[in-house]
Amino acid sequence: MIKKSLAIIFFFGYSSILLAQQNSNKPNILIILVDDLGWADLSIYGSKFNETPYLNQLALNGLKFNYGYATSPVCSPSRASLMTGKYPSKTGVTDWIPGRSEDGKIRLYEKIKTPPTAFQLPLEEKTIAEFALENGYQTFFAGKWHLGEEEKYWPQHQGFQVNIGGWGKGSPYGKINDTMGGFFVPYKNPTITDGPVGEYLTDRLTNDCIAFLENKKNAPFFLMYSMYAVHNPMQAPKALVQKYQIKQKKFDIKDVDRFAKDEDWMRSEAGWKRRLVQDNPLYAAMIENMDWNIGRLFNKLKELKIDDNTLIVFTSDNGGLSTAEGSNTTNDPLRGGKGWLYEGGIRVPFIMYWKGKIQAGTQSDLPVTLADIYTTCATLINPTFKKSKIIDGENIFSLLVNSTKNMNRPIFWYYPHYSNQGGKPSAALRKGNYKLIYYYEDQSLELFDLSKDVSEKNDISKNNKNLVVKLRKQLISWLDKSNAVELRVPHF
């Protein structure tokens, strides 16, 4: 369902965008990618505990997607998709870098040998930053990269003129205690100079983004703010943590009601559990700080009077961490979380804002992915851009113009790995309201109707064999064309 006519977006948005391009008024682009932020973590998406007033306003004054998707349930593959417009199978980055198997541990419950993942985004790939740079844009990167362990693969070698924060690590490094290391100085990050004692990483990186905006040249910019928040370690400014500790007491959730610990899949590792409620003070504090810093950045755009010529895209690299490593949040009513191909692991907040170009207060159920960001931005940067067949992402504005037709666009996932969060090697396809998941271990299939079963509790595969066969065939065909490992399927 489209909450407000997307014809309005076309009239005020896409046609105006084309006109602006014809007048050589190239738009600025700001991509804000958050780490591990779940679909239900923002109050605009339904959270009753976390507070996100600035992102609420961004959504209410822009376009909120109800079915925004990461292209993987873990970080590095989705980040590679955003940078290249390709599904992870085509870049070779199919797991977080370097991946779970690199620790050398033998886990008896892992029944199959999984394929290796690439340890970097290949330099041969043309990133959206490289495309922007070639077309006269200033390019600036701040935050988490996690697309190459060696320096030669870091952002400054992938199209960004400036890199602050991006290197081989996937989370704040050098944790010492709750007030030093990790998100607090000293960062122990070779691309960031330490600030004063007590400086908080999210604040600091926002300062760097603001400094770039204040000193930018007279040229359009492509700014990617790839936050380390809200990934572990759970650290936040003390005053905010105290605020949510008080709020947690008001919610009055007992420990026994906070987590599920007796489900079959949890028995393989002692730390696996599923959070049932959102009432985590540290996590909520990190989210509010994240939101406040996004507000600072947005206010700077307004102060510089460039907000009307800047497209803002806000999203996350995978679903919220709900089943392991602290189980910081729940994605309810969605099932699962980071590391799983259920909706909780791949559906993420997705907001677009562009003053005067995107009609305020619009919502859409059109499925969009992080891979679509590449083609959308490339078309804005240069209207003559023609995507090659190997690029999977589509121009979101074009999709919205024919939204009814594009509701049935197929979207694919390929995650042939065991995850740290309990997920198993799998692949999936969503087409229309239906979603098919294939599991490599036992070659089983699950089918869900998302329009009737948002929580994916009711597997309808046995009663819809013809549909399963049709979707399975489409999934196999896609995997065969996408450098994925061989998919074995059962016979009915």
Protein backbone atom coordinates (compact mmCIF):
# COMPACT_ATOMS: atom_id res chain seq x y z
CA MET A 1 0.00 0.00 0.00
CA ILE A 2 1.24 3.50 -0.81
CA LYS A 3 0.34 5.89 1.99
CA LYS A 4 0.41 8.96 -0.22
CA SER A 5 0.19 9.03 -4.00
CA LEU A 6 3.60 8.51 -5.54
CA ALA A 7 2.41 10.52 -8.51
CA ILE A 8 3.00 13.47 -6.18
CA ILE A 9 6.62 12.41 -5.84
CA PHE A 10 6.93 12.30 -9.60
CA PHE A 11 5.42 15.75 -10.04
CA PHE A 12 7.38 17.45 -7.30
CA GLY A 13 10.33 15.13 -7.30
CA TYR A 14 11.59 13.22 -10.31
CA SER A 15 10.63 15.77 -12.95
CA SER A 16 12.16 18.56 -10.85
CA ILE A 17 15.31 16.54 -10.38
CA LEU A 18 15.70 16.12 -14.12
CA LEU A 19 15.11 19.84 -14.62
CA ALA A 20 17.75 20.71 -12.03
CA GLN A 21 20.22 18.44 -13.78
CA GLN A 22 19.49 20.03 -17.14
CA ASN A 23 20.35 23.37 -15.57
CA SER A 24 23.73 21.91 -14.46
CA ASN A 25 22.78 22.35 -10.81
CA LYS A 26 24.24 19.06 -9.67
CA PRO A 27 22.80 17.90 -6.35
CA ASN A 28 24.88 17.20 -3.27
CA ILE A 29 24.53 13.70 -1.83
CA LEU A 30 24.73 12.72 1.83
CA ILE A 31 24.60 9.02 2.67
CA ILE A 32 24.18 8.15 6.36
CA LEU A 33 24.75 4.45 7.01
CA VAL A 34 24.29 3.24 10.59
CA ASP A 35 25.80 0.00 11.89
CA ASP A 36 23.46 -2.70 13.27
CA LEU A 37 20.43 -0.42 13.56
CA GLY A 38 17.24 -2.48 13.52
CA TRP A 39 14.05 -1.75 11.59
CA ALA A 40 12.09 -1.23 14.81
CA ASP A 41 14.75 0.81 16.64
CA LEU A 42 13.48 4.27 15.64
CA SER A 43 10.37 5.74 17.20
CA ILE A 44 9.13 6.64 13.70
CA TYR A 45 9.25 2.87 12.99
CA GLY A 46 7.45 1.97 16.21
CA SER A 47 9.94 1.94 19.09
CA LYS A 48 8.35 2.87 22.43
CA PHE A 49 11.64 3.04 24.35
CA ASN A 50 14.22 4.66 22.04
CA GLU A 51 13.87 8.37 21.23
CA THR A 52 14.76 9.66 17.76
CA PRO A 53 13.16 13.10 17.27
CA TYR A 54 15.47 14.29 14.49
CA LEU A 55 15.07 11.17 12.37
CA ASN A 56 11.34 11.31 12.98
CA GLN A 57 11.31 14.80 11.46
CA LEU A 58 13.51 13.69 8.56
CA ALA A 59 11.00 10.94 7.77
CA LEU A 60 7.94 13.14 8.28
CA ASN A 61 9.41 15.73 5.92
CA GLY A 62 10.62 13.19 3.40
CA LEU A 63 9.97 9.65 2.21
CA LYS A 64 9.84 6.69 4.61
CA PHE A 65 10.15 3.19 3.17
CA ASN A 66 8.45 0.43 5.12
CA TYR A 67 10.32 -2.29 3.23
CA GLY A 68 13.90 -1.11 3.04
CA TYR A 69 16.37 -3.98 2.88
CA ALA A 70 20.04 -4.59 3.46
CA THR A 71 21.48 -7.00 0.91
CA SER A 72 22.96 -9.19 3.65
CA PRO A 73 22.22 -9.94 7.31
CA VAL A 74 25.78 -8.85 8.23
CA CYS A 75 27.77 -5.71 7.58
CA SER A 76 30.58 -6.03 5.01
CA PRO A 77 28.48 -7.57 2.19
CA SER A 78 25.83 -4.85 2.48
CA ARG A 79 28.49 -2.15 2.47
CA ALA A 80 30.02 -3.61 -0.67
CA SER A 81 26.57 -3.56 -2.29
CA LEU A 82 26.04 0.10 -1.46
CA MET A 83 29.42 0.99 -2.94
CA THR A 84 29.02 -1.03 -6.14
CA GLY A 85 25.30 -1.52 -6.76
CA LYS A 86 25.89 -5.29 -6.87
CA TYR A 87 24.60 -8.14 -4.77
CA PRO A 88 27.29 -9.62 -2.48
CA SER A 89 27.77 -12.76 -4.57
CA LYS A 90 29.18 -10.61 -7.39
CA THR A 91 31.74 -8.77 -5.29
CA GLY A 92 32.86 -11.90 -3.45
CA VAL A 93 32.26 -10.21 -0.09
CA THR A 94 29.61 -12.55 1.26
CA ASP A 95 30.41 -12.44 5.00
CA TRP A 96 31.79 -9.89 7.43
CA ILE A 97 35.54 -9.54 6.97
CA PRO A 98 37.42 -11.79 7.70
CA GLY A 99 34.46 -13.99 8.63
CA ARG A 100 33.52 -16.45 11.33
CA SER A 101 35.59 -19.35 9.99
CA GLU A 102 38.88 -17.44 10.29
CA ASP A 103 39.10 -18.00 14.05
CA GLY A 104 40.06 -21.64 13.39
CA LYS A 105 37.51 -23.01 15.83
CA ILE A 106 35.85 -26.34 15.09
CA ARG A 107 32.14 -26.18 15.82
CA LEU A 108 30.61 -29.63 15.72
CA TYR A 109 27.09 -28.32 15.12
CA GLU A 110 28.14 -26.75 11.79
CA LYS A 111 27.21 -29.52 9.37
CA ILE A 112 28.59 -28.24 6.07
CA LYS A 113 31.73 -26.49 4.87
CA THR A 114 30.89 -23.00 3.74
CA PRO A 115 32.59 -21.12 0.89
CA PRO A 116 35.25 -18.49 1.64
CA THR A 117 34.52 -14.78 1.58
CA ALA A 118 36.72 -12.11 0.03
CA PHE A 119 38.79 -10.11 2.52
CA GLN A 120 38.35 -6.86 0.60
CA LEU A 121 36.27 -5.00 -1.94
CA PRO A 122 38.38 -5.45 -5.09
CA LEU A 123 40.04 -2.29 -6.41
CA GLU A 124 38.74 -3.25 -9.85
CA GLU A 125 35.20 -2.43 -8.73
CA LYS A 126 34.09 1.10 -9.59
CA THR A 127 32.57 2.53 -6.44
CA ILE A 128 29.93 5.23 -6.35
CA ALA A 129 32.59 7.50 -4.83
CA GLU A 130 34.88 6.94 -7.81
CA PHE A 131 32.00 7.70 -10.17
CA ALA A 132 31.23 10.90 -8.26
CA LEU A 133 34.88 11.95 -8.29
CA GLU A 134 35.10 11.42 -12.04
CA ASN A 135 32.10 13.70 -12.46
CA GLY A 136 33.53 16.66 -10.57
CA TYR A 137 32.31 15.89 -7.05
CA GLN A 138 34.23 16.37 -3.83
CA THR A 139 34.20 13.07 -1.96
CA PHE A 140 34.46 12.66 1.81
CA PHE A 141 34.22 9.58 4.02
CA ALA A 142 33.84 9.40 7.78
CA GLY A 143 33.35 6.32 9.93
CA LYS A 144 33.33 2.58 9.44
CA TRP A 145 34.65 1.02 6.22
CA HIS A 146 35.27 -2.70 6.94
CA LEU A 147 35.88 -3.52 3.28
CA GLY A 148 39.56 -4.39 3.39
CA GLU A 149 42.11 -5.30 6.03
CA GLU A 150 45.08 -3.87 4.11
CA GLU A 151 45.41 -0.09 3.77
CA LYS A 152 45.44 -0.25 -0.03
CA TYR A 153 41.72 -1.19 0.13
CA TRP A 154 40.63 1.63 2.44
CA PRO A 155 38.34 4.51 1.37
CA GLN A 156 41.14 6.82 0.17
CA HIS A 157 41.92 4.20 -2.49
CA GLN A 158 38.28 3.62 -3.43
CA GLY A 159 37.26 7.10 -4.60
CA PHE A 160 37.23 9.20 -1.43
CA GLN A 161 39.52 12.23 -1.32
CA VAL A 162 39.35 12.30 2.48
CA ASN A 163 39.00 9.35 4.84
CA ILE A 164 38.51 9.82 8.57
CA GLY A 165 37.84 6.64 10.51
CA GLY A 166 37.70 4.02 7.78
CA TRP A 167 40.10 1.09 8.07
CA GLY A 168 40.14 -2.68 8.49
CA LYS A 169 38.25 -2.96 11.77
CA GLY A 170 34.49 -3.34 11.88
CA SER A 171 33.90 -1.79 15.29
CA PRO A 172 35.54 0.75 17.60
CA TYR A 173 38.86 -0.71 18.66
CA GLY A 174 40.94 -0.67 21.81
CA LYS A 175 38.17 -0.97 24.40
CA ILE A 176 39.58 -0.28 27.86
CA ASN A 177 36.55 0.40 30.06
CA ASP A 178 33.22 2.18 29.92
CA THR A 179 34.75 5.65 29.57
CA MET A 180 38.02 5.05 27.70
CA GLY A 181 38.73 3.23 24.46
CA GLY A 182 36.24 1.99 21.90
CA PHE A 183 33.78 4.87 21.44
CA PHE A 184 35.85 7.07 23.75
CA VAL A 185 39.38 8.44 23.36
CA PRO A 186 41.87 6.82 22.87
CA TYR A 187 40.40 5.37 19.65
CA LYS A 188 43.50 3.44 18.53
CA ASN A 189 42.44 4.05 14.94
CA PRO A 190 45.26 5.01 12.54
CA THR A 191 42.97 7.29 10.51
CA ILE A 192 41.74 9.37 13.49
CA THR A 193 43.80 11.66 15.68
CA ASP A 194 42.66 11.46 19.29
CA GLY A 195 40.73 14.42 20.65
CA PRO A 196 40.47 15.54 24.28
CA VAL A 197 39.82 13.10 27.11
CA GLY A 198 36.16 12.10 27.17
CA GLU A 199 35.55 12.76 23.46
CA TYR A 200 32.90 10.41 22.04
CA LEU A 201 33.44 8.89 18.61
CA THR A 202 30.02 9.65 17.11
CA ASP A 203 30.29 13.29 18.20
CA ARG A 204 33.82 13.50 16.83
CA LEU A 205 33.01 12.07 13.41
CA THR A 206 30.03 14.41 13.11
CA ASN A 207 32.39 17.30 13.89
CA ASP A 208 34.59 16.15 11.02
CA CYS A 209 31.63 15.98 8.63
CA ILE A 210 30.53 19.48 9.67
CA ALA A 211 34.07 20.81 9.19
CA PHE A 212 34.06 19.38 5.67
CA LEU A 213 30.78 21.12 4.88
CA GLU A 214 32.03 24.43 6.25
CA ASN A 215 35.22 24.30 4.19
CA LYS A 216 34.02 22.61 1.03
CA LYS A 217 34.91 24.05 -2.32
CA ASN A 218 32.44 25.50 -4.80
CA ALA A 219 31.53 22.10 -6.19
CA PRO A 220 28.95 19.42 -5.44
CA PHE A 221 29.85 16.87 -2.79
CA PHE A 222 29.36 13.19 -2.09
CA LEU A 223 29.59 12.72 1.68
CA MET A 224 29.29 9.29 3.23
CA TYR A 225 28.89 9.24 6.99
CA SER A 226 29.20 5.57 7.89
CA MET A 227 28.63 5.51 11.63
CA TYR A 228 30.29 3.06 13.98
CA ALA A 229 27.20 3.46 16.14
CA VAL A 230 25.21 1.51 17.17
CA HIS A 231 27.51 -1.51 16.99
CA ASN A 232 29.13 -3.07 20.06
CA PRO A 233 30.80 -2.20 22.39
CA MET A 234 27.83 -0.68 24.18
CA GLN A 235 29.20 2.71 25.28
CA ALA A 236 27.45 6.06 25.47
CA PRO A 237 27.70 9.44 27.25
CA LYS A 238 26.96 8.93 30.95
CA ALA A 239 24.08 11.41 31.21
CA LEU A 240 22.16 9.72 28.42
CA VAL A 241 22.69 6.29 29.92
CA GLN A 242 21.32 7.53 33.24
CA LYS A 243 18.28 8.99 31.49
CA TYR A 244 17.39 5.59 30.04
CA GLN A 245 18.18 3.71 33.22
CA ILE A 246 15.42 5.78 34.85
CA LYS A 247 13.14 5.11 31.91
CA GLN A 248 13.88 1.38 32.09
CA LYS A 249 12.65 1.30 35.68
CA LYS A 250 9.38 2.90 34.58
CA PHE A 251 8.89 0.14 32.00
CA ASP A 252 9.25 -2.35 34.88
CA ILE A 253 10.34 -5.36 32.84
CA LYS A 254 11.52 -8.31 34.91
CA ASP A 255 14.71 -10.13 33.90
CA VAL A 256 12.78 -13.33 33.30
CA ASP A 257 10.60 -11.54 30.74
CA ARG A 258 13.46 -9.78 28.95
CA PHE A 259 14.97 -12.73 27.05
CA ALA A 260 13.95 -16.07 25.58
CA LYS A 261 16.61 -18.68 26.37
CA ASP A 262 14.98 -22.04 25.70
CA GLU A 263 14.53 -22.23 21.92
CA ASP A 264 16.11 -25.14 20.05
CA TRP A 265 18.58 -23.12 17.99
CA MET A 266 20.07 -21.54 21.13
CA ARG A 267 21.45 -24.77 22.51
CA SER A 268 24.54 -24.76 20.27
CA GLU A 269 26.24 -21.84 22.06
CA ALA A 270 25.83 -20.61 25.61
CA GLY A 271 25.63 -16.91 24.69
CA TRP A 272 22.72 -17.23 22.30
CA LYS A 273 19.43 -15.78 23.52
CA ARG A 274 16.65 -13.70 22.01
CA ARG A 275 15.68 -10.31 23.39
CA LEU A 276 11.94 -9.87 23.74
CA VAL A 277 11.62 -6.19 24.67
CA GLN A 278 13.35 -2.90 23.91
CA ASP A 279 14.53 -1.50 27.23
CA ASN A 280 18.33 -1.45 26.94
CA PRO A 281 19.62 1.84 28.47
CA LEU A 282 23.05 1.72 26.83
CA TYR A 283 21.65 0.93 23.40
CA ALA A 284 18.93 3.59 23.67
CA ALA A 285 21.54 6.14 24.74
CA MET A 286 23.67 5.31 21.70
CA ILE A 287 20.62 5.69 19.45
CA GLU A 288 19.65 9.06 20.90
CA ASN A 289 23.22 10.31 20.52
CA MET A 290 23.24 9.05 16.93
CA ASP A 291 19.96 10.86 16.28
CA TRP A 292 21.20 14.09 17.87
CA ASN A 293 24.32 14.06 15.70
CA ILE A 294 22.27 13.54 12.57
CA GLY A 295 20.26 16.57 13.66
CA ARG A 296 23.49 18.57 13.98
CA LEU A 297 24.49 17.60 10.46
CA PHE A 298 21.08 18.42 9.03
CA ASN A 299 21.02 21.79 10.79
CA LYS A 300 24.41 22.62 9.27
CA LEU A 301 23.01 21.96 5.80
CA LYS A 302 20.19 24.41 6.55
CA GLU A 303 22.58 26.97 8.01
CA LEU A 304 24.71 26.80 4.85
CA LYS A 305 21.51 27.04 2.76
CA ILE A 306 22.29 23.90 0.78
CA ASP A 307 19.58 21.63 2.18
CA ASP A 308 17.36 22.29 -0.84
CA ASN A 309 20.05 20.91 -3.15
CA THR A 310 21.11 17.91 -1.04
CA LEU A 311 19.67 14.42 -1.22
CA ILE A 312 19.91 12.64 2.14
CA VAL A 313 19.67 8.85 2.31
CA PHE A 314 19.52 7.24 5.74
CA THR A 315 19.66 3.49 6.36
CA SER A 316 21.43 0.61 8.14
CA ASP A 317 23.75 -2.19 7.00
CA ASN A 318 21.75 -5.05 8.57
CA GLY A 319 19.03 -5.76 11.10
CA GLY A 320 19.32 -5.18 14.83
CA LEU A 321 21.45 -7.46 17.01
CA SER A 322 18.83 -9.50 18.85
CA THR A 323 20.05 -13.08 19.28
CA ALA A 324 23.68 -12.95 20.48
CA GLU A 325 26.59 -10.77 21.59
CA GLY A 326 24.49 -9.03 24.20
CA SER A 327 21.21 -9.15 22.26
CA ASN A 328 20.98 -5.37 22.39
CA THR A 329 17.54 -4.97 20.82
CA THR A 330 14.51 -6.77 19.49
CA ASN A 331 13.17 -6.36 15.97
CA ASP A 332 9.66 -7.45 16.92
CA PRO A 333 7.27 -7.91 15.25
CA LEU A 334 9.89 -9.07 12.76
CA ARG A 335 11.49 -12.46 13.32
CA GLY A 336 15.19 -12.91 13.99
CA GLY A 337 17.89 -10.30 13.70
CA LYS A 338 21.43 -9.71 12.54
CA GLY A 339 22.89 -12.89 11.05
CA TRP A 340 19.51 -14.28 9.90
CA LEU A 341 17.61 -14.06 6.61
CA TYR A 342 14.32 -13.62 8.41
CA GLU A 343 12.99 -10.08 8.12
CA GLY A 344 14.56 -9.00 11.41
CA GLY A 345 18.01 -9.62 9.97
CA ILE A 346 17.61 -7.79 6.67
CA ARG A 347 14.79 -5.26 6.90
CA VAL A 348 16.15 -1.87 7.98
CA PRO A 349 15.06 1.76 8.38
CA PHE A 350 15.27 3.53 5.01
CA ILE A 351 14.53 7.25 4.68
CA MET A 352 15.10 9.70 1.83
CA TYR A 353 14.87 13.47 2.16
CA TRP A 354 15.27 16.23 -0.39
CA LYS A 355 13.66 19.57 0.31
CA GLY A 356 11.39 20.66 -2.54
CA LYS A 357 12.03 17.50 -4.56
CA ILE A 358 10.51 14.73 -2.44
CA GLN A 359 7.01 15.37 -1.17
CA ALA A 360 6.93 15.54 2.62
CA GLY A 361 5.03 12.94 4.60
CA THR A 362 5.19 10.18 2.02
CA GLN A 363 5.43 6.50 2.90
CA SER A 364 5.93 3.61 0.52
CA ASP A 365 5.72 -0.17 0.69
CA LEU A 366 7.91 -0.45 -2.41
CA PRO A 367 10.79 -2.83 -1.59
CA VAL A 368 14.16 -1.08 -1.96
CA THR A 369 17.70 -2.22 -1.12
CA LEU A 370 21.11 -0.79 -0.35
CA ALA A 371 22.19 -1.80 -3.86
CA ASP A 372 19.63 0.68 -5.24
CA ILE A 373 21.50 3.57 -3.64
CA TYR A 374 24.32 3.22 -6.17
CA THR A 375 22.17 3.54 -9.28
CA THR A 376 19.99 6.26 -7.75
CA CYS A 377 23.02 8.39 -6.89
CA ALA A 378 24.85 7.69 -10.15
CA THR A 379 21.81 8.88 -12.14
CA LEU A 380 21.67 12.09 -10.10
CA ILE A 381 25.40 12.68 -10.46
CA ASN A 382 25.26 12.20 -14.22
CA PRO A 383 21.86 11.85 -15.97
CA THR A 384 23.54 10.05 -18.88
CA PHE A 385 24.49 7.16 -16.59
CA LYS A 386 23.42 3.79 -17.97
CA LYS A 387 23.85 0.89 -15.65
CA SER A 388 25.45 -2.25 -16.99
CA LYS A 389 23.77 -5.64 -16.70
CA ILE A 390 26.11 -6.65 -13.89
CA ILE A 391 24.76 -3.87 -11.63
CA ASP A 392 21.72 -5.06 -9.70
CA GLY A 393 20.51 -1.84 -8.10
CA GLU A 394 17.79 0.27 -9.70
CA ASN A 395 17.08 4.00 -9.65
CA ILE A 396 14.65 4.39 -6.75
CA PHE A 397 13.02 7.48 -8.27
CA SER A 398 12.28 5.54 -11.47
CA LEU A 399 10.89 2.63 -9.44
CA LEU A 400 8.55 4.99 -7.60
CA VAL A 401 7.16 6.40 -10.84
CA ASN A 402 5.90 2.90 -11.72
CA SER A 403 5.42 1.80 -8.13
CA THR A 404 2.44 -0.51 -8.68
CA LYS A 405 4.34 -2.55 -11.24
CA ASN A 406 7.56 -2.56 -9.24
CA MET A 407 5.95 -3.86 -6.05
CA ASN A 408 6.64 -7.31 -7.48
CA ARG A 409 10.30 -6.71 -8.28
CA PRO A 410 12.34 -9.73 -7.13
CA ILE A 411 14.92 -9.15 -4.41
CA PHE A 412 17.56 -11.75 -3.56
CA TRP A 413 19.84 -12.66 -0.68
CA TYR A 414 22.82 -15.03 -0.60
CA TYR A 415 24.38 -15.76 2.77
CA PRO A 416 26.09 -19.19 2.60
CA HIS A 417 27.66 -18.90 6.06
CA TYR A 418 27.01 -19.71 9.69
CA SER A 419 26.59 -16.45 11.55
CA ASN A 420 27.81 -15.44 14.98
CA GLN A 421 24.17 -14.87 15.88
CA GLY A 422 22.82 -18.38 15.17
CA GLY A 423 21.83 -18.05 11.52
CA LYS A 424 22.59 -20.89 9.11
CA PRO A 425 23.82 -20.88 5.48
CA SER A 426 20.88 -19.81 3.35
CA ALA A 427 19.58 -17.94 0.34
CA ALA A 428 16.29 -16.12 -0.13
CA LEU A 429 13.99 -14.46 -2.61
CA ARG A 430 11.23 -11.96 -2.04
CA LYS A 431 8.76 -11.37 -4.84
CA GLY A 432 5.59 -9.44 -4.18
CA ASN A 433 4.23 -10.49 -0.82
CA TYR A 434 5.98 -13.86 -0.87
CA LYS A 435 9.37 -14.76 0.53
CA LEU A 436 11.17 -18.05 -0.01
CA ILE A 437 14.13 -19.10 2.16
CA TYR A 438 16.41 -22.03 1.24
CA TYR A 439 18.72 -23.67 3.81
CA TYR A 440 21.93 -25.26 2.59
CA GLU A 441 22.33 -27.71 5.48
CA ASP A 442 19.29 -29.87 4.80
CA GLN A 443 18.10 -28.30 1.53
CA SER A 444 14.81 -27.34 3.15
CA LEU A 445 12.56 -24.49 2.04
CA GLU A 446 10.28 -22.08 3.88
CA LEU A 447 7.63 -19.87 2.29
CA PHE A 448 5.97 -16.89 3.95
CA ASP A 449 3.27 -14.44 2.93
CA LEU A 450 4.57 -11.17 4.38
CA SER A 451 1.26 -9.38 3.83
CA LYS A 452 -0.45 -11.75 6.28
CA ASP A 453 2.46 -12.94 8.39
CA VAL A 454 4.89 -10.12 9.17
CA SER A 455 6.53 -12.26 11.87
CA GLU A 456 7.19 -15.22 9.52
CA LYS A 457 5.66 -17.70 11.94
CA ASN A 458 3.56 -19.63 9.42
CA ASP A 459 5.51 -21.61 6.81
CA ILE A 460 3.04 -22.15 3.96
CA SER A 461 5.36 -24.08 1.62
CA LYS A 462 3.54 -27.42 1.96
CA ASN A 463 0.22 -25.93 0.89
CA ASN A 464 1.63 -23.91 -2.01
CA LYS A 465 3.87 -26.35 -3.86
CA ASN A 466 3.35 -24.80 -7.29
CA LEU A 467 4.36 -21.38 -6.00
CA VAL A 468 7.37 -22.88 -4.22
CA VAL A 469 8.52 -24.56 -7.43
CA LYS A 470 8.15 -21.30 -9.37
CA LEU A 471 10.02 -19.19 -6.83
CA ARG A 472 12.66 -21.88 -6.30
CA LYS A 473 13.34 -21.93 -10.03
CA GLN A 474 13.78 -18.15 -10.06
CA LEU A 475 16.12 -18.30 -7.06
CA ILE A 476 18.22 -21.03 -8.67
CA SER A 477 18.44 -19.09 -11.92
CA TRP A 478 19.62 -15.98 -10.09
CA LEU A 479 22.22 -17.90 -8.08
CA ASP A 480 23.55 -19.52 -11.25
CA LYS A 481 24.07 -16.10 -12.82
CA SER A 482 25.52 -14.42 -9.74
CA ASN A 483 28.71 -16.31 -8.92
CA ALA A 484 27.02 -18.11 -6.04
CA VAL A 485 27.95 -21.64 -5.00
CA GLU A 486 25.83 -24.45 -6.38
CA LEU A 487 22.35 -24.60 -4.92
CA ARG A 488 20.96 -28.07 -4.32
CA VAL A 489 17.20 -28.31 -4.00
CA PRO A 490 14.77 -31.01 -2.96
CA HIS A 491 12.31 -32.67 -5.29
CA PHE A 492 8.60 -32.65 -4.54
